[in-house]
Protein backbone atom coordinates (compact mmCIF):
# COMPACT_ATOMS: atom_id res chain seq x y z
CA UNK A 1 0.00 0.00 0.00
CA UNK A 2 1.13 3.55 -0.79
CA UNK A 3 0.38 6.59 1.37
CA UNK A 4 0.49 10.13 0.01
CA UNK A 5 0.38 13.47 1.79
CA UNK A 6 1.03 17.04 0.68
CA UNK A 7 2.44 20.11 2.41
CA UNK A 8 2.58 23.76 1.40
CA UNK A 9 6.05 25.26 1.71
CA UNK A 10 7.24 28.91 1.53
CA UNK A 11 8.51 28.51 -2.04
CA UNK A 12 6.28 25.70 -3.30
CA UNK A 13 4.88 22.35 -2.23
CA UNK A 14 6.03 18.97 -1.00
CA UNK A 15 4.68 15.48 -1.71
CA UNK A 16 5.34 12.78 0.85
CA UNK A 17 5.49 9.28 -0.67
CA UNK A 18 5.48 6.27 1.67
CA UNK A 19 5.29 2.54 1.04
CA UNK A 20 6.93 -0.57 2.55
CA UNK A 21 10.26 0.18 0.88
CA UNK A 22 10.50 3.96 0.49
CA UNK A 23 9.85 7.07 2.56
CA UNK A 24 10.55 10.05 0.30
CA UNK A 25 9.69 13.74 0.34
CA UNK A 26 9.81 15.43 -3.06
CA UNK A 27 9.36 19.12 -3.76
CA UNK A 28 8.46 21.75 -6.33
CA UNK A 29 10.13 25.12 -5.71
CA UNK A 30 9.56 28.41 -7.54
CA UNK A 31 11.66 31.57 -7.90
CA UNK A 32 11.18 34.26 -5.28
CA UNK A 33 7.87 36.05 -5.70
CA UNK A 34 6.18 33.53 -8.01
CA UNK A 35 4.67 31.19 -5.40
CA UNK A 36 3.79 34.19 -3.25
CA UNK A 37 1.76 35.61 -6.16
CA UNK A 38 -0.28 32.41 -6.41
CA UNK A 39 -3.48 32.76 -4.33
CA UNK A 40 -3.44 31.01 -0.97
CA UNK A 41 -6.84 29.42 -1.57
CA UNK A 42 -5.48 27.69 -4.71
CA UNK A 43 -2.24 26.34 -3.28
CA UNK A 44 -3.75 23.40 -1.41
CA UNK A 45 -5.96 22.43 -4.36
CA UNK A 46 -2.93 22.78 -6.66
CA UNK A 47 -0.74 20.52 -4.51
CA UNK A 48 -3.37 17.83 -3.92
CA UNK A 49 -4.26 17.51 -7.59
CA UNK A 50 -0.60 17.49 -8.62
CA UNK A 51 0.07 14.70 -6.11
CA UNK A 52 -2.68 12.52 -7.55
CA UNK A 53 -1.52 13.19 -11.11
CA UNK A 54 2.09 12.33 -10.20
CA UNK A 55 1.52 9.12 -8.22
CA UNK A 56 -1.04 6.95 -10.02
CA UNK A 57 1.41 5.67 -12.64
CA UNK A 58 3.99 4.96 -9.96
CA UNK A 59 1.44 2.87 -8.06
CA UNK A 60 1.00 0.77 -11.19
CA UNK A 61 4.77 0.48 -11.61
CA UNK A 62 4.97 -0.87 -8.05
CA UNK A 63 2.02 -3.19 -8.83
CA UNK A 64 0.28 -1.83 -5.74
CA UNK A 65 -3.39 -2.59 -5.06
CA UNK A 66 -4.11 0.41 -2.80
CA UNK A 67 -3.10 4.04 -2.54
CA UNK A 68 -4.29 6.25 0.33
CA UNK A 69 -4.31 10.05 0.00
CA UNK A 70 -4.42 12.04 3.22
CA UNK A 71 -6.56 14.75 1.64
CA UNK A 72 -10.03 15.09 0.05
CA UNK A 73 -11.12 13.76 -3.33
CA UNK A 74 -9.14 15.87 -5.84
CA UNK A 75 -11.16 18.21 -7.99
CA UNK A 76 -9.55 17.11 -11.26
CA UNK A 77 -9.41 13.34 -10.65
CA UNK A 78 -11.96 12.66 -13.46
CA UNK A 79 -9.80 14.71 -15.87
CA UNK A 80 -6.67 12.80 -14.92
CA UNK A 81 -8.36 9.40 -15.09
CA UNK A 82 -9.43 10.21 -18.65
CA UNK A 83 -5.81 11.10 -19.43
CA UNK A 84 -4.57 7.80 -18.00
CA UNK A 85 -7.17 5.72 -19.84
CA UNK A 86 -6.27 7.30 -23.17
CA UNK A 87 -2.51 7.11 -22.58
CA UNK A 88 -2.27 3.63 -21.11
CA UNK A 89 -3.27 1.86 -24.33
CA UNK A 90 0.04 2.98 -25.84
CA UNK A 91 2.00 2.11 -22.68
CA UNK A 92 0.46 -1.36 -22.61
CA UNK A 93 1.18 -1.91 -26.31
CA UNK A 94 4.79 -0.76 -25.94
CA UNK A 95 5.47 -2.81 -22.83
CA UNK A 96 3.77 -6.08 -23.72
CA UNK A 97 1.45 -5.61 -26.73
CA UNK A 98 -1.54 -5.72 -24.39
CA UNK A 99 -3.34 -2.40 -24.82
CA UNK A 100 -5.79 -3.00 -21.97
CA UNK A 101 -3.32 -4.27 -19.36
CA UNK A 102 -2.73 -0.99 -17.52
CA UNK A 103 -6.33 0.12 -17.92
CA UNK A 104 -7.40 -2.97 -16.02
CA UNK A 105 -4.77 -2.24 -13.37
CA UNK A 106 -6.01 1.34 -13.06
CA UNK A 107 -9.61 0.23 -12.62
CA UNK A 108 -8.57 -2.29 -9.97
CA UNK A 109 -6.45 0.24 -8.06
CA UNK A 110 -8.20 1.13 -4.80
CA UNK A 111 -7.85 4.86 -4.11
CA UNK A 112 -8.93 6.29 -0.78
CA UNK A 113 -9.23 9.94 0.26
CA UNK A 114 -9.91 11.67 3.56
CA UNK A 115 -13.42 12.76 4.47
CA UNK A 116 -12.53 16.36 5.27
CA UNK A 117 -13.81 19.01 2.89
CA UNK A 118 -11.88 21.84 1.28
CA UNK A 119 -13.97 24.67 -0.08
CA UNK A 120 -12.89 25.63 -3.59
CA UNK A 121 -12.90 29.34 -4.33
CA UNK A 122 -11.89 30.50 -7.78
CA UNK A 123 -11.36 34.16 -8.59
CA UNK A 124 -10.19 35.55 -11.89
CA UNK A 125 -6.65 37.00 -11.76
CA UNK A 126 -5.71 40.15 -13.62
CA UNK A 127 -4.19 39.09 -16.96
CA UNK A 128 -2.90 40.85 -20.05
CA UNK A 129 -2.22 39.87 -23.66
CA UNK A 130 1.08 38.13 -22.96
CA UNK A 131 2.27 34.55 -22.64
CA UNK A 132 4.10 32.14 -20.41
CA UNK A 133 6.13 29.92 -22.77
CA UNK A 134 7.31 26.48 -21.74
CA UNK A 135 10.96 26.41 -22.82
CA UNK A 136 12.50 22.94 -23.15
CA UNK A 137 14.96 24.05 -25.87
CA UNK A 138 13.36 21.55 -28.25
CA UNK A 139 12.57 22.87 -31.72
CA UNK A 140 8.85 23.31 -30.95
CA UNK A 141 9.45 25.41 -27.85
CA UNK A 142 12.10 27.52 -29.60
CA UNK A 143 9.81 28.17 -32.56
CA UNK A 144 6.94 29.00 -30.19
CA UNK A 145 9.18 31.49 -28.40
CA UNK A 146 10.17 33.14 -31.68
CA UNK A 147 6.57 33.32 -32.85
CA UNK A 148 5.30 34.70 -29.53
CA UNK A 149 7.93 37.44 -29.65
CA UNK A 150 7.13 38.31 -33.24
CA UNK A 151 3.34 38.56 -32.79
CA UNK A 152 3.66 40.74 -29.69
CA UNK A 153 2.88 38.40 -26.79
CA UNK A 154 5.88 39.57 -24.76
CA UNK A 155 6.61 35.96 -23.75
CA UNK A 156 8.01 34.97 -20.39
CA UNK A 157 9.94 31.70 -20.92
CA UNK A 158 9.78 29.09 -18.16
CA UNK A 159 11.97 26.00 -17.89
CA UNK A 160 11.03 23.16 -15.55
CA UNK A 161 14.27 21.74 -14.18
CA UNK A 162 13.52 18.07 -13.52
CA UNK A 163 16.09 16.69 -11.12
CA UNK A 164 18.68 14.63 -12.98
CA UNK A 165 19.21 10.92 -12.43
CA UNK A 166 22.18 9.38 -10.70
CA UNK A 167 21.01 6.09 -9.23
CA UNK A 168 21.73 2.40 -9.40
CA UNK A 169 19.26 0.62 -11.66
CA UNK A 170 19.36 -3.11 -12.27
CA UNK A 171 22.95 -3.26 -11.04
CA UNK A 172 24.20 -0.36 -13.18
CA UNK A 173 24.51 3.38 -12.59
CA UNK A 174 21.87 5.36 -14.51
CA UNK A 175 22.83 8.99 -15.10
CA UNK A 176 21.25 11.85 -17.03
CA UNK A 177 22.94 15.09 -18.06
CA UNK A 178 19.97 17.24 -19.09
CA UNK A 179 20.42 19.91 -16.44
CA UNK A 180 24.12 20.29 -17.11
CA UNK A 181 23.25 21.47 -20.61
CA UNK A 182 20.06 23.37 -19.72
CA UNK A 183 21.90 25.41 -17.10
CA UNK A 184 24.50 26.25 -19.73
CA UNK A 185 21.95 27.25 -22.37
CA UNK A 186 19.71 29.37 -20.13
CA UNK A 187 22.20 32.21 -19.43
CA UNK A 188 23.18 32.28 -23.11
CA UNK A 189 19.63 32.78 -24.34
CA UNK A 190 18.93 35.25 -21.51
CA UNK A 191 21.85 37.38 -22.62
CA UNK A 192 20.88 37.30 -26.29
CA UNK A 193 17.16 37.96 -25.82
CA UNK A 194 17.48 40.26 -22.80
CA UNK A 195 14.96 38.21 -20.84
CA UNK A 196 15.07 36.34 -17.55
CA UNK A 197 14.08 32.67 -17.89
CA UNK A 198 11.89 31.51 -15.02
CA UNK A 199 12.91 28.15 -13.58
CA UNK A 200 11.08 25.58 -11.49
CA UNK A 201 13.14 23.14 -9.41
CA UNK A 202 11.20 19.89 -9.64
CA UNK A 203 12.08 16.69 -7.82
CA UNK A 204 8.44 15.50 -8.05
CA UNK A 205 9.41 14.31 -11.55
CA UNK A 206 10.97 11.28 -9.86
CA UNK A 207 7.48 9.99 -9.12
CA UNK A 208 7.08 9.18 -12.81
CA UNK A 209 10.50 7.56 -13.28
CA UNK A 210 10.78 3.79 -12.87
CA UNK A 211 14.58 3.98 -12.84
CA UNK A 212 14.53 6.14 -9.70
CA UNK A 213 12.82 3.31 -7.79
CA UNK A 214 14.77 0.42 -9.38
CA UNK A 215 11.62 -0.88 -11.09
CA UNK A 216 11.26 -2.73 -14.38
CA UNK A 217 11.60 -0.80 -17.61
CA UNK A 218 8.21 0.57 -18.73
CA UNK A 219 6.54 3.33 -20.69
CA UNK A 220 4.45 4.16 -17.63
CA UNK A 221 5.30 7.60 -16.30
CA UNK A 222 5.02 9.39 -19.63
CA UNK A 223 1.29 10.17 -19.55
CA UNK A 224 1.36 13.12 -17.16
CA UNK A 225 4.35 15.20 -18.30
CA UNK A 226 2.58 18.02 -20.18
CA UNK A 227 -0.22 18.31 -17.61
CA UNK A 228 2.37 18.38 -14.83
CA UNK A 229 4.16 21.18 -16.69
CA UNK A 230 0.87 23.10 -16.89
CA UNK A 231 0.61 22.95 -13.09
CA UNK A 232 4.24 24.08 -12.76
CA UNK A 233 3.68 27.05 -15.07
CA UNK A 234 0.30 28.30 -13.81
CA UNK A 235 1.77 30.29 -10.86
CA UNK A 236 3.85 32.21 -13.44
CA UNK A 237 0.64 33.23 -15.23
CA UNK A 238 -0.53 34.82 -11.99
CA UNK A 239 2.82 36.40 -11.21
CA UNK A 240 3.34 37.87 -14.69
CA UNK A 241 -0.37 38.49 -15.33
CA UNK A 242 -0.23 36.45 -18.55
CA UNK A 243 -3.33 35.30 -20.36
CA UNK A 244 -1.74 32.47 -22.36
CA UNK A 245 0.20 29.34 -21.42
CA UNK A 246 2.02 28.20 -24.55
CA UNK A 247 3.14 24.65 -25.29
CA UNK A 248 4.94 23.30 -28.36
CA UNK A 249 2.49 20.58 -29.40
CA UNK A 250 2.75 20.13 -33.17
CA UNK A 251 0.08 18.58 -35.41
CA UNK A 252 1.95 15.27 -35.48
CA UNK A 253 1.00 14.74 -31.83
CA UNK A 254 -2.55 13.96 -32.96
CA UNK A 255 -1.41 10.82 -34.78
CA UNK A 256 -2.14 7.33 -33.51
CA UNK A 257 -2.00 3.73 -34.63
CA UNK A 258 -4.07 0.66 -33.77
CA UNK A 259 -2.45 -1.79 -31.40
CA UNK A 260 -2.64 -5.58 -31.54
CA UNK A 261 -5.98 -5.43 -29.72
CA UNK A 262 -7.43 -3.04 -32.29
CA UNK A 263 -7.32 -0.08 -29.89
CA UNK A 264 -6.12 3.44 -30.69
CA UNK A 265 -2.63 4.07 -29.30
CA UNK A 266 -1.42 7.67 -29.03
CA UNK A 267 2.34 7.95 -28.55
CA UNK A 268 1.85 11.35 -26.87
CA UNK A 269 -1.84 11.67 -26.04
CA UNK A 270 -1.18 14.46 -23.52
CA UNK A 271 0.07 16.61 -26.44
CA UNK A 272 -2.93 15.96 -28.68
CA UNK A 273 -5.59 18.59 -29.49
CA UNK A 274 -8.14 16.32 -27.81
CA UNK A 275 -6.33 16.46 -24.46
CA UNK A 276 -5.77 20.18 -24.92
CA UNK A 277 -9.54 20.64 -24.64
CA UNK A 278 -9.47 18.89 -21.26
CA UNK A 279 -6.43 20.86 -20.18
CA UNK A 280 -8.12 24.12 -21.06
CA UNK A 281 -11.18 23.12 -19.06
CA UNK A 282 -8.91 22.50 -16.08
CA UNK A 283 -7.18 25.87 -16.46
CA UNK A 284 -10.52 27.56 -17.03
CA UNK A 285 -11.75 26.31 -13.66
CA UNK A 286 -8.54 27.12 -11.78
CA UNK A 287 -8.27 30.65 -13.19
CA UNK A 288 -11.98 31.44 -13.45
CA UNK A 289 -11.69 31.69 -17.23
CA UNK A 290 -8.61 33.92 -17.33
CA UNK A 291 -5.82 31.56 -18.49
CA UNK A 292 -5.82 29.61 -21.74
CA UNK A 293 -3.44 26.91 -23.00
CA UNK A 294 -2.37 27.44 -26.61
CA UNK A 295 -0.04 25.70 -29.04
CA UNK A 296 1.13 28.15 -31.70
CA UNK A 297 2.69 25.31 -33.71
CA UNK A 298 -0.33 22.96 -33.64
CA UNK A 299 -1.07 23.51 -37.38
CA UNK A 300 2.39 22.17 -38.35
CA UNK A 301 3.86 18.68 -38.66
CA UNK A 302 7.19 18.03 -36.94
CA UNK A 303 9.38 18.58 -40.00
CA UNK A 304 7.46 21.74 -40.87
CA UNK A 305 8.23 23.04 -37.36
CA UNK A 306 11.92 22.48 -38.04
CA UNK A 307 11.66 24.21 -41.42
CA UNK A 308 10.09 27.38 -40.03
CA UNK A 309 12.49 27.49 -37.07
CA UNK A 310 15.66 27.04 -39.14
CA UNK A 311 14.59 29.56 -41.78
CA UNK A 312 13.01 32.33 -39.72
CA UNK A 313 14.72 32.11 -36.34
CA UNK A 314 18.24 30.65 -36.83
CA UNK A 315 19.37 32.73 -33.83
CA UNK A 316 17.05 30.56 -31.71
CA UNK A 317 17.66 27.31 -33.59
CA UNK A 318 21.29 27.31 -32.47
CA UNK A 319 20.08 26.55 -28.92
CA UNK A 320 18.19 23.40 -29.92
CA UNK A 321 18.45 20.46 -27.53
CA UNK A 322 16.04 17.64 -28.34
CA UNK A 323 17.99 14.64 -27.01
CA UNK A 324 17.03 13.18 -23.62
CA UNK A 325 20.74 13.30 -22.65
CA UNK A 326 20.62 10.07 -20.67
CA UNK A 327 23.32 8.28 -22.64
CA UNK A 328 27.06 8.45 -21.78
CA UNK A 329 27.62 10.33 -25.03
CA UNK A 330 25.65 13.26 -23.64
CA UNK A 331 27.97 13.97 -20.72
CA UNK A 332 29.95 16.56 -22.67
CA UNK A 333 27.53 17.19 -25.55
CA UNK A 334 23.84 18.09 -25.41
CA UNK A 335 23.24 15.49 -28.12
CA UNK A 336 24.15 11.88 -27.30
CA UNK A 337 24.41 11.05 -31.04
CA UNK A 338 23.12 7.60 -30.17
CA UNK A 339 19.30 7.66 -30.27
CA UNK A 340 16.31 7.99 -32.61
CA UNK A 341 15.73 11.62 -31.67
CA UNK A 342 19.30 12.62 -32.56
CA UNK A 343 19.09 10.67 -35.82
CA UNK A 344 15.82 12.25 -36.94
CA UNK A 345 16.89 15.79 -36.01
CA UNK A 346 20.16 15.30 -37.91
CA UNK A 347 18.26 14.23 -41.02
CA UNK A 348 15.89 17.20 -40.72
CA UNK A 349 18.79 19.62 -40.39
CA UNK A 350 20.69 18.19 -43.36
CA UNK A 351 17.56 18.15 -45.48
CA UNK A 352 16.56 21.71 -44.57
CA UNK A 353 19.99 23.28 -44.94
CA UNK A 354 20.79 23.86 -41.24
CA UNK A 355 24.25 22.82 -40.03
CA UNK A 356 23.80 20.04 -37.44
CA UNK A 357 27.42 20.32 -36.34
CA UNK A 358 26.72 23.87 -35.12
CA UNK A 359 24.56 22.45 -32.31
CA UNK A 360 26.80 19.49 -31.49
CA UNK A 361 25.38 16.70 -33.66
CA UNK A 362 27.99 14.47 -35.24
CA UNK A 363 27.55 12.61 -38.53
CA UNK A 364 24.48 10.40 -38.13
CA UNK A 365 24.61 9.28 -41.78
CA UNK A 366 27.26 6.70 -40.91
CA UNK A 367 26.19 3.07 -41.23
CA UNK A 368 26.62 2.49 -37.49
CA UNK A 369 23.56 4.70 -36.86
CA UNK A 370 21.21 2.80 -39.16
CA UNK A 371 19.31 1.27 -36.24
CA UNK A 372 18.07 4.70 -35.12
CA UNK A 373 16.22 5.46 -38.36
CA UNK A 374 12.85 3.75 -38.55
CA UNK A 375 13.01 4.31 -42.33
CA UNK A 376 15.55 1.49 -42.63
CA UNK A 377 13.91 -0.89 -40.17
CA UNK A 378 11.21 -3.14 -41.59
CA UNK A 379 10.29 -4.52 -38.15
CA UNK A 380 8.20 -2.55 -35.66
CA UNK A 381 10.20 -1.16 -32.76
CA UNK A 382 7.50 0.08 -30.38
CA UNK A 383 10.08 1.80 -28.21
CA UNK A 384 10.51 4.37 -30.97
CA UNK A 385 6.83 5.26 -30.65
CA UNK A 386 5.89 8.01 -33.07
CA UNK A 387 8.79 7.23 -35.39
CA UNK A 388 7.10 3.97 -36.43
CA UNK A 389 4.02 5.73 -37.80
CA UNK A 390 3.56 6.34 -41.52
CA UNK A 391 3.93 10.13 -41.28
CA UNK A 392 7.20 9.84 -39.35
CA UNK A 393 8.51 7.33 -41.87
CA UNK A 394 7.57 9.72 -44.70
CA UNK A 395 9.24 12.65 -42.94
CA UNK A 396 12.49 10.69 -42.73
CA UNK A 397 12.10 9.64 -46.37
CA UNK A 398 11.62 13.27 -47.42
CA UNK A 399 14.45 14.54 -45.21
CA UNK A 400 16.89 12.05 -46.74
CA UNK A 401 15.66 13.01 -50.22
CA UNK A 402 16.23 16.73 -49.58
CA UNK A 403 19.60 16.02 -47.96
CA UNK A 404 20.71 14.02 -51.00
CA UNK A 405 19.61 16.83 -53.32
CA UNK A 406 21.72 19.21 -51.22
CA UNK A 407 24.74 16.98 -51.78
CA UNK A 408 24.87 15.28 -48.37
CA UNK A 409 27.20 12.29 -48.22
CA UNK A 410 27.47 9.21 -46.07
CA UNK A 411 26.87 5.47 -46.04
CA UNK A 412 23.20 5.89 -45.15
CA UNK A 413 22.70 8.43 -47.93
CA UNK A 414 24.01 5.82 -50.39
CA UNK A 415 21.78 3.17 -48.83
CA UNK A 416 18.84 5.56 -49.07
CA UNK A 417 19.49 6.19 -52.76
CA UNK A 418 19.65 2.45 -53.41
CA UNK A 419 16.58 1.43 -51.41
CA UNK A 420 14.33 4.49 -51.41
CA UNK A 421 15.66 6.99 -53.96
CA UNK A 422 13.16 6.05 -56.65
CA UNK A 423 10.20 6.16 -54.24
CA UNK A 424 11.23 9.54 -52.83
CA UNK A 425 11.67 11.08 -56.29
CA UNK A 426 8.31 9.73 -57.45
CA UNK A 427 6.52 11.00 -54.32
CA UNK A 428 8.38 14.32 -53.92
CA UNK A 429 5.39 16.55 -54.73
CA UNK A 430 3.04 14.47 -52.56
CA UNK A 431 5.48 14.44 -49.64
CA UNK A 432 6.11 18.18 -49.81
CA UNK A 433 2.39 18.95 -49.85
CA UNK A 434 1.59 16.65 -46.95
CA UNK A 435 4.58 17.31 -44.69
CA UNK A 436 4.59 21.09 -45.22
CA UNK A 437 0.80 21.37 -45.17
CA UNK A 438 -0.69 24.10 -42.99
CA UNK A 439 -3.50 22.53 -40.99
CA UNK A 440 -6.46 24.35 -39.51
CA UNK A 441 -5.80 25.63 -35.98
CA UNK A 442 -7.67 23.86 -33.19
CA UNK A 443 -6.76 25.90 -30.13
CA UNK A 444 -5.38 29.22 -31.41
CA UNK A 445 -7.54 32.33 -30.82
CA UNK A 446 -8.62 33.89 -34.16
CA UNK A 447 -6.82 37.20 -33.55
CA UNK A 448 -3.55 35.33 -32.98
CA UNK A 449 -4.10 33.10 -36.00
CA UNK A 450 -4.44 36.19 -38.20
CA UNK A 451 -0.86 37.04 -37.28
CA UNK A 452 0.53 33.50 -37.42
CA UNK A 453 -0.97 32.29 -40.69
CA UNK A 454 0.97 34.66 -43.00
CA UNK A 455 4.22 33.76 -41.22
CA UNK A 456 3.65 30.05 -41.79
CA UNK A 457 2.52 30.54 -45.37
CA UNK A 458 5.60 32.60 -46.17
CA UNK A 459 8.05 30.09 -44.69
CA UNK A 460 6.39 26.91 -45.92
CA UNK A 461 6.29 28.04 -49.55
CA UNK A 462 10.08 28.51 -49.61
CA UNK A 463 12.02 25.78 -51.41
């Protein structure tokens, strides 16, 4: 059995996790002034809902039957349960090709809450036409930052600093280097843009990490990331009086496939337009209708995001960091050069005319990196998630085609020409139209879309 309690602290909140093996206290801490600006009557509701969101997947990782929360039934539990149900089909398919496995475990999980009652009082904060931008230094967040600046949203970037790993897992030391690189990039971009990046120190992230608890490898723990980030950023909306909370969820996030059981599997359901509707309902309640979640890049596929970023905002593109940095190769380089993400980004950069070496990527067109490109793998590797879908395969096909036309060299370029060159040439017009297609916006206010649409049209029509 797991027991969970929450505590409000001067700079944030603490979650107390207790079971037969562990007794851990994990915290979220904000910069001076931010947590103080968040209304007192919201802090307890905020912490209790975050604790539920952050612990359900861990309970399933531990194969626990019961979890007791020492606080009342959380207001947003139905929202979060919907998130888990939609996300767990993918996790089950990835882990064991049983889409319903974790859904059954969730339904069987006994959750208990205290009987005391907390009165919810929601008052609208004062907000202005500006944005809080989640800044991960991935291409979507960098493009969103550039767009928000250009269309006059006076964005305040916020980076959630998830505590890095350094633990023993299955007899080996597991280490991540993300923060080493983030903390190097932040002052550089602050100096160039003349803006202070807000940071959140987050050790609660460990509640969604199986490695931290020496548990079996699993996709569980990935369902709640974006929603957790929304909770982390909301106090900044109050502090900076910002109407919008901007995420970098591109159109590709709406893609899914059917698992072995015939069930829809979303690789990143929490980034889909469907979940964004739920997320906006949550924010609408918390802020009494004052704060809205928006993705400025939602009308673009992943490769189109890269195209617009590299062409229009190269001064931001140079900060790109998309690798998870949990491989030994990432200790001294923000790209490990040994994963599917590094491989795909390298192909995009070569195909779109952006120098990958300028951001630390080495030559991923060598034969030794073939395994990281789903284009060359006929078998399904579920661990690559999105990269096994048809659109992702076509994006890699098109990126290699454009790279070859630009004169790129390498063993994989030659292999591409031999195996896929004819297909890519035949489908070039079709691929360009689909991959660089501008989709209808699903969560962008009309007055913002009027400013964004001409920017996208201008950049996407460039050869």
